[in-house]
């Protein structure tokens, strides 16, 4: 929860939730920090098509990103 620069995450019934989705600026800090890879950004139509999702798995010195496209394609890359 502390990784969010906007302090938008809260714990509710043992689950971390976003306070106000409209206040999130999609920095992906929470996506990269989640040790289970359970979080993803739902990309706007202009970036990925309807329903495309971007998730990440961070490790020391690198981040592996996975893009799951609306049409079933999966692309992976590292930063």
Protein backbone atom coordinates (compact mmCIF):
# COMPACT_ATOMS: atom_id res chain seq x y z
CA UNK A 1 0.00 0.00 0.00
CA UNK A 2 2.89 2.37 0.73
CA UNK A 3 4.20 2.18 -2.83
CA UNK A 4 1.38 4.35 -4.24
CA UNK A 5 2.65 7.95 -4.62
CA UNK A 6 -0.94 9.22 -4.49
CA UNK A 7 -1.75 7.31 -1.28
CA UNK A 8 -4.77 5.79 -3.06
CA UNK A 9 -4.62 2.22 -1.73
CA UNK A 10 -6.47 1.04 1.38
CA UNK A 11 -6.95 -2.29 3.13
CA UNK A 12 -10.56 -3.47 3.33
CA UNK A 13 -11.50 -6.89 4.74
CA UNK A 14 -7.94 -8.16 4.21
CA UNK A 15 -7.84 -6.98 0.57
CA UNK A 16 -6.04 -3.91 -0.76
CA UNK A 17 -8.32 -1.73 -2.87
CA UNK A 18 -8.04 1.50 -4.82
CA UNK A 19 -9.77 4.41 -3.05
CA UNK A 20 -10.84 6.43 -6.12
CA UNK A 21 -10.11 5.05 -9.57
CA UNK A 22 -10.46 8.52 -11.09
CA UNK A 23 -7.58 9.82 -8.95
CA UNK A 24 -5.15 7.14 -10.17
CA UNK A 25 -2.71 8.43 -12.81
CA UNK A 26 -1.64 4.91 -13.91
CA UNK A 27 1.98 5.20 -12.77
CA UNK A 28 2.05 1.38 -12.36
CA UNK A 29 4.00 1.52 -9.08
CA UNK A 30 1.54 -0.91 -7.47
CA UNK A 31 1.60 -3.21 -10.51
CA UNK A 32 5.41 -3.46 -10.39
CA UNK A 33 5.52 -3.86 -6.60
CA UNK A 34 2.93 -6.65 -6.27
CA UNK A 35 4.95 -9.80 -5.43
CA UNK A 36 2.23 -12.07 -6.84
CA UNK A 37 1.68 -10.28 -10.17
CA UNK A 38 -1.99 -9.98 -9.26
CA UNK A 39 -2.43 -6.38 -10.42
CA UNK A 40 -2.75 -5.11 -13.97
CA UNK A 41 -3.51 -1.88 -15.77
CA UNK A 42 -6.50 -2.00 -18.09
CA UNK A 43 -5.30 -0.04 -21.10
CA UNK A 44 -7.46 2.53 -22.86
CA UNK A 45 -8.70 1.67 -26.34
CA UNK A 46 -6.20 4.07 -27.92
CA UNK A 47 -3.24 2.17 -26.43
CA UNK A 48 -4.20 -1.48 -26.47
CA UNK A 49 -7.67 -2.02 -27.77
CA UNK A 50 -10.69 -2.85 -25.70
CA UNK A 51 -9.88 -4.87 -22.58
CA UNK A 52 -6.10 -5.16 -23.05
CA UNK A 53 -4.22 -5.56 -19.76
CA UNK A 54 -0.63 -4.77 -18.79
CA UNK A 55 0.91 -6.57 -15.81
CA UNK A 56 4.44 -6.68 -14.42
CA UNK A 57 6.77 -8.82 -12.36
CA UNK A 58 9.64 -6.86 -10.83
CA UNK A 59 12.95 -8.33 -9.73
CA UNK A 60 16.20 -6.61 -8.75
CA UNK A 61 17.40 -4.52 -11.66
CA UNK A 62 14.62 -5.38 -14.13
CA UNK A 63 10.88 -5.57 -14.68
CA UNK A 64 9.18 -8.13 -16.94
CA UNK A 65 6.00 -6.74 -18.50
CA UNK A 66 3.20 -8.85 -19.97
CA UNK A 67 0.65 -7.37 -22.35
CA UNK A 68 -2.50 -9.45 -22.78
CA UNK A 69 -4.34 -8.09 -25.79
CA UNK A 70 -8.09 -8.16 -26.29
CA UNK A 71 -7.65 -10.52 -29.24
CA UNK A 72 -5.76 -13.14 -27.19
CA UNK A 73 -2.21 -12.18 -28.18
CA UNK A 74 0.34 -12.09 -25.37
CA UNK A 75 3.52 -10.04 -25.63
CA UNK A 76 6.32 -9.89 -23.05
CA UNK A 77 9.23 -7.49 -22.70
CA UNK A 78 11.75 -6.36 -20.07
CA UNK A 79 12.86 -2.96 -18.83
